[in-house]
Amino acid sequence: EAFDFLSCAIYDVMLLDVVMPRNASIDVLTMLRGLA
């Protein structure tokens, strides 16, 4: 869901819980590197 939101809109701030199933927070942090 985070990927969907981040691919459709520009956010100024993201609040991220780092304890999520299957280390999903690492995936989200990695995705940030690829955003313009």
Full PDB file with SEQRES, HELIX, SHEET, SSBOND, CRYST1, ORIGX, SCALE, CONECT and MASTER records, all heavy atoms in Angstrom:
SEQRES   1 A   36  GLU ALA PHE ASP PHE LEU SER CYS ALA ILE TYR ASP VAL          
SEQRES   2 A   36  MET LEU LEU ASP VAL VAL MET PRO ARG ASN ALA SER ILE          
SEQRES   3 A   36  ASP VAL LEU THR MET LEU ARG GLY LEU ALA                      
HELIX    1 AA1 ALA A    2  CYS A    8  1                                   7    
HELIX    2 AA2 PRO A   21  ASN A   23  5                                   3    
HELIX    3 AA3 ALA A   24  ARG A   33  1                                  10    
CRYST1    1.000    1.000    1.000  90.00  90.00  90.00 P 1           1          
ORIGX1      1.000000  0.000000  0.000000        0.00000                         
ORIGX2      0.000000  1.000000  0.000000        0.00000                         
ORIGX3      0.000000  0.000000  1.000000        0.00000                         
SCALE1      1.000000  0.000000  0.000000        0.00000                         
SCALE2      0.000000  1.000000  0.000000        0.00000                         
SCALE3      0.000000  0.000000  1.000000        0.00000                         
ATOM      1  N   GLU A   1       0.835  -1.205   0.000  1.00  0.00           N  
ATOM      2  CA  GLU A   1       0.000   0.000   0.000  1.00  0.00           C  
ATOM      3  C   GLU A   1       0.868   1.252   0.000  1.00  0.00           C  
ATOM      4  O   GLU A   1       0.552   2.231  -0.678  1.00  0.00           O  
ATOM      5  CB  GLU A   1      -0.920   0.011   1.215  1.00  0.00           C  
ATOM      6  CG  GLU A   1      -2.052  -0.986   1.141  1.00  0.00           C  
ATOM      7  CD  GLU A   1      -2.936  -0.973   2.378  1.00  0.00           C  
ATOM      8  OE1 GLU A   1      -2.773  -0.089   3.243  1.00  0.00           O  
ATOM      9  OE2 GLU A   1      -3.799  -1.862   2.474  1.00  0.00           O  
ATOM     10  N   ALA A   2       1.957   1.231   0.750  1.00  0.00           N  
ATOM     11  CA  ALA A   2       2.869   2.380   0.766  1.00  0.00           C  
ATOM     12  C   ALA A   2       3.432   2.622  -0.628  1.00  0.00           C  
ATOM     13  O   ALA A   2       3.502   3.768  -1.088  1.00  0.00           O  
ATOM     14  CB  ALA A   2       3.994   2.156   1.774  1.00  0.00           C  
ATOM     15  N   PHE A   3       3.833   1.548  -1.327  1.00  0.00           N  
ATOM     16  CA  PHE A   3       4.347   1.687  -2.690  1.00  0.00           C  
ATOM     17  C   PHE A   3       3.305   2.327  -3.588  1.00  0.00           C  
ATOM     18  O   PHE A   3       3.622   3.199  -4.402  1.00  0.00           O  
ATOM     19  CB  PHE A   3       4.737   0.324  -3.276  1.00  0.00           C  
ATOM     20  CG  PHE A   3       5.868  -0.368  -2.579  1.00  0.00           C  
ATOM     21  CD1 PHE A   3       5.981  -1.740  -2.645  1.00  0.00           C  
ATOM     22  CD2 PHE A   3       6.834   0.334  -1.861  1.00  0.00           C  
ATOM     23  CE1 PHE A   3       7.025  -2.401  -2.012  1.00  0.00           C  
ATOM     24  CE2 PHE A   3       7.879  -0.318  -1.228  1.00  0.00           C  
ATOM     25  CZ  PHE A   3       7.967  -1.686  -1.299  1.00  0.00           C  
ATOM     26  N   ASP A   4       2.051   1.890  -3.464  1.00  0.00           N  
ATOM     27  CA  ASP A   4       0.975   2.451  -4.285  1.00  0.00           C  
ATOM     28  C   ASP A   4       0.833   3.952  -4.050  1.00  0.00           C  
ATOM     29  O   ASP A   4       0.763   4.735  -4.998  1.00  0.00           O  
ATOM     30  CB  ASP A   4      -0.352   1.748  -4.005  1.00  0.00           C  
ATOM     31  CG  ASP A   4      -0.379   0.312  -4.508  1.00  0.00           C  
ATOM     32  OD1 ASP A   4       0.483  -0.066  -5.336  1.00  0.00           O  
ATOM     33  OD2 ASP A   4      -1.259  -0.449  -4.046  1.00  0.00           O  
ATOM     34  N   PHE A   5       0.786   4.357  -2.784  1.00  0.00           N  
ATOM     35  CA  PHE A   5       0.662   5.778  -2.465  1.00  0.00           C  
ATOM     36  C   PHE A   5       1.867   6.562  -2.982  1.00  0.00           C  
ATOM     37  O   PHE A   5       1.720   7.627  -3.582  1.00  0.00           O  
ATOM     38  CB  PHE A   5       0.519   5.997  -0.950  1.00  0.00           C  
ATOM     39  CG  PHE A   5      -0.859   5.763  -0.424  1.00  0.00           C  
ATOM     40  CD1 PHE A   5      -1.119   4.690   0.410  1.00  0.00           C  
ATOM     41  CD2 PHE A   5      -1.906   6.614  -0.740  1.00  0.00           C  
ATOM     42  CE1 PHE A   5      -2.390   4.462   0.918  1.00  0.00           C  
ATOM     43  CE2 PHE A   5      -3.179   6.401  -0.241  1.00  0.00           C  
ATOM     44  CZ  PHE A   5      -3.419   5.318   0.588  1.00  0.00           C  
ATOM     45  N   LEU A   6       3.074   6.042  -2.753  1.00  0.00           N  
ATOM     46  CA  LEU A   6       4.297   6.758  -3.139  1.00  0.00           C  
ATOM     47  C   LEU A   6       4.472   6.837  -4.652  1.00  0.00           C  
ATOM     48  O   LEU A   6       5.125   7.754  -5.146  1.00  0.00           O  
ATOM     49  CB  LEU A   6       5.519   6.095  -2.502  1.00  0.00           C  
ATOM     50  CG  LEU A   6       5.629   6.262  -0.987  1.00  0.00           C  
ATOM     51  CD1 LEU A   6       6.652   5.289  -0.411  1.00  0.00           C  
ATOM     52  CD2 LEU A   6       5.983   7.697  -0.624  1.00  0.00           C  
ATOM     53  N   SER A   7       3.882   5.904  -5.379  1.00  0.00           N  
ATOM     54  CA  SER A   7       3.999   5.955  -6.839  1.00  0.00           C  
ATOM     55  C   SER A   7       2.972   6.886  -7.471  1.00  0.00           C  
ATOM     56  O   SER A   7       3.107   7.261  -8.632  1.00  0.00           O  
ATOM     57  CB  SER A   7       3.891   4.549  -7.438  1.00  0.00           C  
ATOM     58  OG  SER A   7       2.608   4.017  -7.210  1.00  0.00           O  
ATOM     59  N   CYS A   8       1.955   7.282  -6.698  1.00  0.00           N  
ATOM     60  CA  CYS A   8       0.883   8.128  -7.236  1.00  0.00           C  
ATOM     61  C   CYS A   8       0.931   9.569  -6.758  1.00  0.00           C  
ATOM     62  O   CYS A   8       0.232  10.415  -7.312  1.00  0.00           O  
ATOM     63  CB  CYS A   8      -0.471   7.541  -6.866  1.00  0.00           C  
ATOM     64  SG  CYS A   8      -0.800   5.948  -7.623  1.00  0.00           S  
ATOM     65  N   ALA A   9       1.699   9.856  -5.723  1.00  0.00           N  
ATOM     66  CA  ALA A   9       1.694  11.202  -5.158  1.00  0.00           C  
ATOM     67  C   ALA A   9       3.061  11.516  -4.547  1.00  0.00           C  
ATOM     68  O   ALA A   9       3.831  10.616  -4.242  1.00  0.00           O  
ATOM     69  CB  ALA A   9       0.614  11.328  -4.090  1.00  0.00           C  
ATOM     70  N   ILE A  10       3.306  12.794  -4.388  1.00  0.00           N  
ATOM     71  CA  ILE A  10       4.530  13.250  -3.725  1.00  0.00           C  
ATOM     72  C   ILE A  10       4.171  13.603  -2.288  1.00  0.00           C  
ATOM     73  O   ILE A  10       3.249  14.389  -2.049  1.00  0.00           O  
ATOM     74  CB  ILE A  10       5.141  14.460  -4.452  1.00  0.00           C  
ATOM     75  CG1 ILE A  10       5.596  14.052  -5.852  1.00  0.00           C  
ATOM     76  CG2 ILE A  10       6.298  15.047  -3.650  1.00  0.00           C  
ATOM     77  CD1 ILE A  10       6.069  15.192  -6.708  1.00  0.00           C  
ATOM     78  N   TYR A  11       4.881  13.001  -1.356  1.00  0.00           N  
ATOM     79  CA  TYR A  11       4.672  13.263   0.068  1.00  0.00           C  
ATOM     80  C   TYR A  11       5.854  14.043   0.616  1.00  0.00           C  
ATOM     81  O   TYR A  11       6.996  13.811   0.219  1.00  0.00           O  
ATOM     82  CB  TYR A  11       4.512  11.943   0.842  1.00  0.00           C  
ATOM     83  CG  TYR A  11       3.211  11.256   0.523  1.00  0.00           C  
ATOM     84  CD1 TYR A  11       3.115  10.374  -0.545  1.00  0.00           C  
ATOM     85  CD2 TYR A  11       2.072  11.517   1.262  1.00  0.00           C  
ATOM     86  CE1 TYR A  11       1.909   9.768  -0.868  1.00  0.00           C  
ATOM     87  CE2 TYR A  11       0.855  10.913   0.952  1.00  0.00           C  
ATOM     88  CZ  TYR A  11       0.789  10.039  -0.115  1.00  0.00           C  
ATOM     89  OH  TYR A  11      -0.401   9.455  -0.428  1.00  0.00           O  
ATOM     90  N   ASP A  12       5.571  14.938   1.537  1.00  0.00           N  
ATOM     91  CA  ASP A  12       6.635  15.706   2.187  1.00  0.00           C  
ATOM     92  C   ASP A  12       7.287  14.898   3.297  1.00  0.00           C  
ATOM     93  O   ASP A  12       8.500  14.982   3.509  1.00  0.00           O  
ATOM     94  CB  ASP A  12       6.054  17.000   2.778  1.00  0.00           C  
ATOM     95  CG  ASP A  12       5.401  17.846   1.713  1.00  0.00           C  
ATOM     96  OD1 ASP A  12       6.130  18.358   0.851  1.00  0.00           O  
ATOM     97  OD2 ASP A  12       4.165  17.972   1.732  1.00  0.00           O  
ATOM     98  N   VAL A  13       6.476  14.126   4.007  1.00  0.00           N  
ATOM     99  CA  VAL A  13       6.937  13.356   5.167  1.00  0.00           C  
ATOM    100  C   VAL A  13       6.275  11.987   5.144  1.00  0.00           C  
ATOM    101  O   VAL A  13       5.106  11.860   4.765  1.00  0.00           O  
ATOM    102  CB  VAL A  13       6.573  14.072   6.494  1.00  0.00           C  
ATOM    103  CG1 VAL A  13       6.938  13.228   7.711  1.00  0.00           C  
ATOM    104  CG2 VAL A  13       7.238  15.433   6.576  1.00  0.00           C  
ATOM    105  N   MET A  14       7.030  10.974   5.564  1.00  0.00           N  
ATOM    106  CA  MET A  14       6.471   9.646   5.759  1.00  0.00           C  
ATOM    107  C   MET A  14       6.805   9.194   7.173  1.00  0.00           C  
ATOM    108  O   MET A  14       7.962   9.272   7.593  1.00  0.00           O  
ATOM    109  CB  MET A  14       7.047   8.644   4.767  1.00  0.00           C  
ATOM    110  CG  MET A  14       6.515   7.235   4.973  1.00  0.00           C  
ATOM    111  SD  MET A  14       7.146   6.044   3.780  1.00  0.00           S  
ATOM    112  CE  MET A  14       8.876   6.032   4.187  1.00  0.00           C  
ATOM    113  N   LEU A  15       5.774   8.760   7.912  1.00  0.00           N  
ATOM    114  CA  LEU A  15       5.978   8.157   9.224  1.00  0.00           C  
ATOM    115  C   LEU A  15       5.989   6.657   8.997  1.00  0.00           C  
ATOM    116  O   LEU A  15       5.050   6.107   8.426  1.00  0.00           O  
ATOM    117  CB  LEU A  15       4.852   8.531  10.173  1.00  0.00           C  
ATOM    118  CG  LEU A  15       4.551  10.014  10.340  1.00  0.00           C  
ATOM    119  CD1 LEU A  15       3.429  10.214  11.344  1.00  0.00           C  
ATOM    120  CD2 LEU A  15       5.786  10.767  10.764  1.00  0.00           C  
ATOM    121  N   LEU A  16       7.048   5.984   9.438  1.00  0.00           N  
ATOM    122  CA  LEU A  16       7.220   4.565   9.128  1.00  0.00           C  
ATOM    123  C   LEU A  16       7.465   3.753  10.383  1.00  0.00           C  
ATOM    124  O   LEU A  16       8.436   3.983  11.104  1.00  0.00           O  
ATOM    125  CB  LEU A  16       8.404   4.390   8.169  1.00  0.00           C  
ATOM    126  CG  LEU A  16       8.760   2.954   7.784  1.00  0.00           C  
ATOM    127  CD1 LEU A  16       7.624   2.300   6.996  1.00  0.00           C  
ATOM    128  CD2 LEU A  16      10.058   2.938   6.983  1.00  0.00           C  
ATOM    129  N   ASP A  17       6.561   2.797  10.630  1.00  0.00           N  
ATOM    130  CA  ASP A  17       6.782   1.808  11.678  1.00  0.00           C  
ATOM    131  C   ASP A  17       7.799   0.809  11.125  1.00  0.00           C  
ATOM    132  O   ASP A  17       7.631   0.311  10.010  1.00  0.00           O  
ATOM    133  CB  ASP A  17       5.469   1.094  12.010  1.00  0.00           C  
ATOM    134  CG  ASP A  17       5.631   0.002  13.050  1.00  0.00           C  
ATOM    135  OD1 ASP A  17       6.659  -0.020  13.759  1.00  0.00           O  
ATOM    136  OD2 ASP A  17       4.727  -0.831  13.161  1.00  0.00           O  
ATOM    137  N   VAL A  18       8.855   0.528  11.878  1.00  0.00           N  
ATOM    138  CA  VAL A  18       9.893  -0.368  11.358  1.00  0.00           C  
ATOM    139  C   VAL A  18       9.681  -1.817  11.773  1.00  0.00           C  
ATOM    140  O   VAL A  18      10.407  -2.688  11.313  1.00  0.00           O  
ATOM    141  CB  VAL A  18      11.313   0.102  11.743  1.00  0.00           C  
ATOM    142  CG1 VAL A  18      11.662   1.370  10.999  1.00  0.00           C  
ATOM    143  CG2 VAL A  18      11.455   0.261  13.232  1.00  0.00           C  
ATOM    144  N   VAL A  19       8.699  -2.083  12.628  1.00  0.00           N  
ATOM    145  CA  VAL A  19       8.399  -3.469  12.991  1.00  0.00           C  
ATOM    146  C   VAL A  19       7.108  -3.853  12.272  1.00  0.00           C  
ATOM    147  O   VAL A  19       6.011  -3.614  12.756  1.00  0.00           O  
ATOM    148  CB  VAL A  19       8.263  -3.645  14.517  1.00  0.00           C  
ATOM    149  CG1 VAL A  19       7.926  -5.093  14.857  1.00  0.00           C  
ATOM    150  CG2 VAL A  19       9.541  -3.213  15.217  1.00  0.00           C  
ATOM    151  N   MET A  20       7.303  -4.417  11.064  1.00  0.00           N  
ATOM    152  CA  MET A  20       6.180  -4.831  10.237  1.00  0.00           C  
ATOM    153  C   MET A  20       6.459  -6.250   9.752  1.00  0.00           C  
ATOM    154  O   MET A  20       7.611  -6.677   9.715  1.00  0.00           O  
ATOM    155  CB  MET A  20       6.000  -3.874   9.050  1.00  0.00           C  
ATOM    156  CG  MET A  20       5.557  -2.481   9.478  1.00  0.00           C  
ATOM    157  SD  MET A  20       5.467  -1.288   8.131  1.00  0.00           S  
ATOM    158  CE  MET A  20       4.315  -2.038   7.018  1.00  0.00           C  
ATOM    159  N   PRO A  21       5.428  -6.996   9.381  1.00  0.00           N  
ATOM    160  CA  PRO A  21       5.638  -8.371   8.908  1.00  0.00           C  
ATOM    161  C   PRO A  21       6.611  -8.448   7.737  1.00  0.00           C  
ATOM    162  O   PRO A  21       6.649  -7.566   6.885  1.00  0.00           O  
ATOM    163  CB  PRO A  21       4.232  -8.814   8.472  1.00  0.00           C  
ATOM    164  CG  PRO A  21       3.306  -7.929   9.236  1.00  0.00           C  
ATOM    165  CD  PRO A  21       4.027  -6.615   9.393  1.00  0.00           C  
ATOM    166  N   ARG A  22       7.405  -9.484   7.736  1.00  0.00           N  
ATOM    167  CA  ARG A  22       8.357  -9.793   6.648  1.00  0.00           C  
ATOM    168  C   ARG A  22       9.328  -8.651   6.366  1.00  0.00           C  
ATOM    169  O   ARG A  22       9.718  -8.431   5.222  1.00  0.00           O  
ATOM    170  CB  ARG A  22       7.606 -10.195   5.378  1.00  0.00           C  
ATOM    171  CG  ARG A  22       6.776 -11.451   5.552  1.00  0.00           C  
ATOM    172  CD  ARG A  22       5.984 -11.811   4.318  1.00  0.00           C  
ATOM    173  NE  ARG A  22       5.027 -10.807   3.890  1.00  0.00           N  
ATOM    174  CZ  ARG A  22       3.833 -10.603   4.431  1.00  0.00           C  
ATOM    175  NH1 ARG A  22       3.434 -11.322   5.435  1.00  0.00           N  
ATOM    176  NH2 ARG A  22       3.032  -9.669   3.966  1.00  0.00           N  
ATOM    177  N   ASN A  23       9.735  -7.913   7.405  1.00  0.00           N  
ATOM    178  CA  ASN A  23      10.686  -6.808   7.252  1.00  0.00           C  
ATOM    179  C   ASN A  23      10.262  -5.815   6.172  1.00  0.00           C  
ATOM    180  O   ASN A  23      11.094  -5.255   5.459  1.00  0.00           O  
ATOM    181  CB  ASN A  23      12.093  -7.335   6.948  1.00  0.00           C  
ATOM    182  CG  ASN A  23      12.700  -8.033   8.130  1.00  0.00           C  
ATOM    183  OD1 ASN A  23      12.440  -7.659   9.273  1.00  0.00           O  
ATOM    184  ND2 ASN A  23      13.493  -9.049   7.880  1.00  0.00           N  
ATOM    185  N   ALA A  24       8.976  -5.593   6.041  1.00  0.00           N  
ATOM    186  CA  ALA A  24       8.439  -4.716   4.994  1.00  0.00           C  
ATOM    187  C   ALA A  24       8.973  -3.298   5.088  1.00  0.00           C  
ATOM    188  O   ALA A  24       9.092  -2.610   4.075  1.00  0.00           O  
ATOM    189  CB  ALA A  24       6.919  -4.709   5.048  1.00  0.00           C  
ATOM    190  N   SER A  25       9.317  -2.845   6.282  1.00  0.00           N  
ATOM    191  CA  SER A  25       9.819  -1.479   6.418  1.00  0.00           C  
ATOM    192  C   SER A  25      11.131  -1.293   5.661  1.00  0.00           C  
ATOM    193  O   SER A  25      11.384  -0.222   5.113  1.00  0.00           O  
ATOM    194  CB  SER A  25       9.999  -1.116   7.883  1.00  0.00           C  
ATOM    195  OG  SER A  25      10.902  -2.011   8.506  1.00  0.00           O  
ATOM    196  N   ILE A  26      11.943  -2.330   5.594  1.00  0.00           N  
ATOM    197  CA  ILE A  26      13.194  -2.243   4.824  1.00  0.00           C  
ATOM    198  C   ILE A  26      12.872  -2.055   3.349  1.00  0.00           C  
ATOM    199  O   ILE A  26      13.533  -1.278   2.655  1.00  0.00           O  
ATOM    200  CB  ILE A  26      14.064  -3.495   5.064  1.00  0.00           C  
ATOM    201  CG1 ILE A  26      14.532  -3.506   6.521  1.00  0.00           C  
ATOM    202  CG2 ILE A  26      15.232  -3.549   4.097  1.00  0.00           C  
ATOM    203  CD1 ILE A  26      15.199  -4.775   6.966  1.00  0.00           C  
ATOM    204  N   ASP A  27      11.851  -2.741   2.858  1.00  0.00           N  
ATOM    205  CA  ASP A  27      11.426  -2.575   1.465  1.00  0.00           C  
ATOM    206  C   ASP A  27      10.993  -1.136   1.191  1.00  0.00           C  
ATOM    207  O   ASP A  27      11.307  -0.569   0.148  1.00  0.00           O  
ATOM    208  CB  ASP A  27      10.283  -3.528   1.124  1.00  0.00           C  
ATOM    209  CG  ASP A  27      10.686  -4.988   1.227  1.00  0.00           C  
ATOM    210  OD1 ASP A  27      11.879  -5.291   1.073  1.00  0.00           O  
ATOM    211  OD2 ASP A  27       9.797  -5.823   1.466  1.00  0.00           O  
ATOM    212  N   VAL A  28      10.266  -0.558   2.133  1.00  0.00           N  
ATOM    213  CA  VAL A  28       9.809   0.822   1.957  1.00  0.00           C  
ATOM    214  C   VAL A  28      10.996   1.782   1.952  1.00  0.00           C  
ATOM    215  O   VAL A  28      11.096   2.663   1.096  1.00  0.00           O  
ATOM    216  CB  VAL A  28       8.786   1.218   3.052  1.00  0.00           C  
ATOM    217  CG1 VAL A  28       8.409   2.688   2.940  1.00  0.00           C  
ATOM    218  CG2 VAL A  28       7.548   0.331   2.978  1.00  0.00           C  
ATOM    219  N   LEU A  29      11.930   1.608   2.888  1.00  0.00           N  
ATOM    220  CA  LEU A  29      13.115   2.473   2.922  1.00  0.00           C  
ATOM    221  C   LEU A  29      13.932   2.342   1.636  1.00  0.00           C  
ATOM    222  O   LEU A  29      14.444   3.334   1.119  1.00  0.00           O  
ATOM    223  CB  LEU A  29      13.980   2.136   4.137  1.00  0.00           C  
ATOM    224  CG  LEU A  29      13.428   2.578   5.486  1.00  0.00           C  
ATOM    225  CD1 LEU A  29      14.213   1.949   6.627  1.00  0.00           C  
ATOM    226  CD2 LEU A  29      13.419   4.092   5.602  1.00  0.00           C  
ATOM    227  N   THR A  30      14.042   1.141   1.112  1.00  0.00           N  
ATOM    228  CA  THR A  30      14.772   0.918  -0.137  1.00  0.00           C  
ATOM    229  C   THR A  30      14.076   1.615  -1.295  1.00  0.00           C  
ATOM    230  O   THR A  30      14.724   2.228  -2.149  1.00  0.00           O  
ATOM    231  CB  THR A  30      14.902  -0.589  -0.419  1.00  0.00           C  
ATOM    232  OG1 THR A  30      15.598  -1.197   0.667  1.00  0.00           O  
ATOM    233  CG2 THR A  30      15.656  -0.850  -1.708  1.00  0.00           C  
ATOM    234  N   MET A  31      12.755   1.573  -1.319  1.00  0.00           N  
ATOM    235  CA  MET A  31      12.000   2.210  -2.396  1.00  0.00           C  
ATOM    236  C   MET A  31      12.231   3.713  -2.427  1.00  0.00           C  
ATOM    237  O   MET A  31      12.272   4.319  -3.498  1.00  0.00           O  
ATOM    238  CB  MET A  31      10.514   1.928  -2.249  1.00  0.00           C  
ATOM    239  CG  MET A  31       9.698   2.534  -3.371  1.00  0.00           C  
ATOM    240  SD  MET A  31       7.966   2.649  -2.958  1.00  0.00           S  
ATOM    241  CE  MET A  31       7.320   3.283  -4.487  1.00  0.00           C  
ATOM    242  N   LEU A  32      12.406   4.317  -1.260  1.00  0.00           N  
ATOM    243  CA  LEU A  32      12.600   5.763  -1.206  1.00  0.00           C  
ATOM    244  C   LEU A  32      13.802   6.210  -2.034  1.00  0.00           C  
ATOM    245  O   LEU A  32      13.798   7.289  -2.614  1.00  0.00           O  
ATOM    246  CB  LEU A  32      12.770   6.230   0.242  1.00  0.00           C  
ATOM    247  CG  LEU A  32      11.569   6.081   1.155  1.00  0.00           C  
ATOM    248  CD1 LEU A  32      11.901   6.618   2.545  1.00  0.00           C  
ATOM    249  CD2 LEU A  32      10.352   6.773   0.587  1.00  0.00           C  
ATOM    250  N   ARG A  33      14.828   5.381  -2.068  1.00  0.00           N  
ATOM    251  CA  ARG A  33      16.045   5.735  -2.828  1.00  0.00           C  
ATOM    252  C   ARG A  33      15.766   5.908  -4.311  1.00  0.00           C  
ATOM    253  O   ARG A  33      16.464   6.638  -4.991  1.00  0.00           O  
ATOM    254  CB  ARG A  33      17.124   4.677  -2.631  1.00  0.00           C  
ATOM    255  CG  ARG A  33      17.676   4.661  -1.250  1.00  0.00           C  
ATOM    256  CD  ARG A  33      18.853   3.709  -1.161  1.00  0.00           C  
ATOM    257  NE  ARG A  33      18.777   3.041   0.117  1.00  0.00           N  
ATOM    258  CZ  ARG A  33      19.064   1.789   0.339  1.00  0.00           C  
ATOM    259  NH1 ARG A  33      19.477   1.024  -0.644  1.00  0.00           N  
ATOM    260  NH2 ARG A  33      18.955   1.274   1.533  1.00  0.00           N  
ATOM    261  N   GLY A  34      14.744   5.232  -4.831  1.00  0.00           N  
ATOM    262  CA  GLY A  34      14.438   5.303  -6.248  1.00  0.00           C  
ATOM    263  C   GLY A  34      13.468   6.400  -6.640  1.00  0.00           C  
ATOM    264  O   GLY A  34      13.189   6.589  -7.823  1.00  0.00           O  
ATOM    265  N   LEU A  35      12.967   7.140  -5.667  1.00  0.00           N  
ATOM    266  CA  LEU A  35      11.995   8.192  -5.964  1.00  0.00           C  
ATOM    267  C   LEU A  35      12.694   9.489  -6.352  1.00  0.00           C  
ATOM    268  O   LEU A  35      13.707   9.855  -5.760  1.00  0.00           O  
ATOM    269  CB  LEU A  35      11.096   8.449  -4.754  1.00  0.00           C  
ATOM    270  CG  LEU A  35      10.184   7.312  -4.320  1.00  0.00           C  
ATOM    271  CD1 LEU A  35       9.447   7.697  -3.053  1.00  0.00           C  
ATOM    272  CD2 LEU A  35       9.201   6.952  -5.428  1.00  0.00           C  
ATOM    273  N   ALA A  36      12.113  10.193  -7.303  1.00  0.00           N  
ATOM    274  CA  ALA A  36      12.661  11.496  -7.701  1.00  0.00           C  
ATOM    275  C   ALA A  36      12.553  12.506  -6.563  1.00  0.00           C  
ATOM    276  O   ALA A  36      13.444  13.328  -6.356  1.00  0.00           O  
ATOM    277  CB  ALA A  36      11.937  12.010  -8.942  1.00  0.00           C  
TER     278      ALA A  36                                                      
MASTER        0    0    0    3    0    0    0    6  277    1    0    3          
END                                                                             
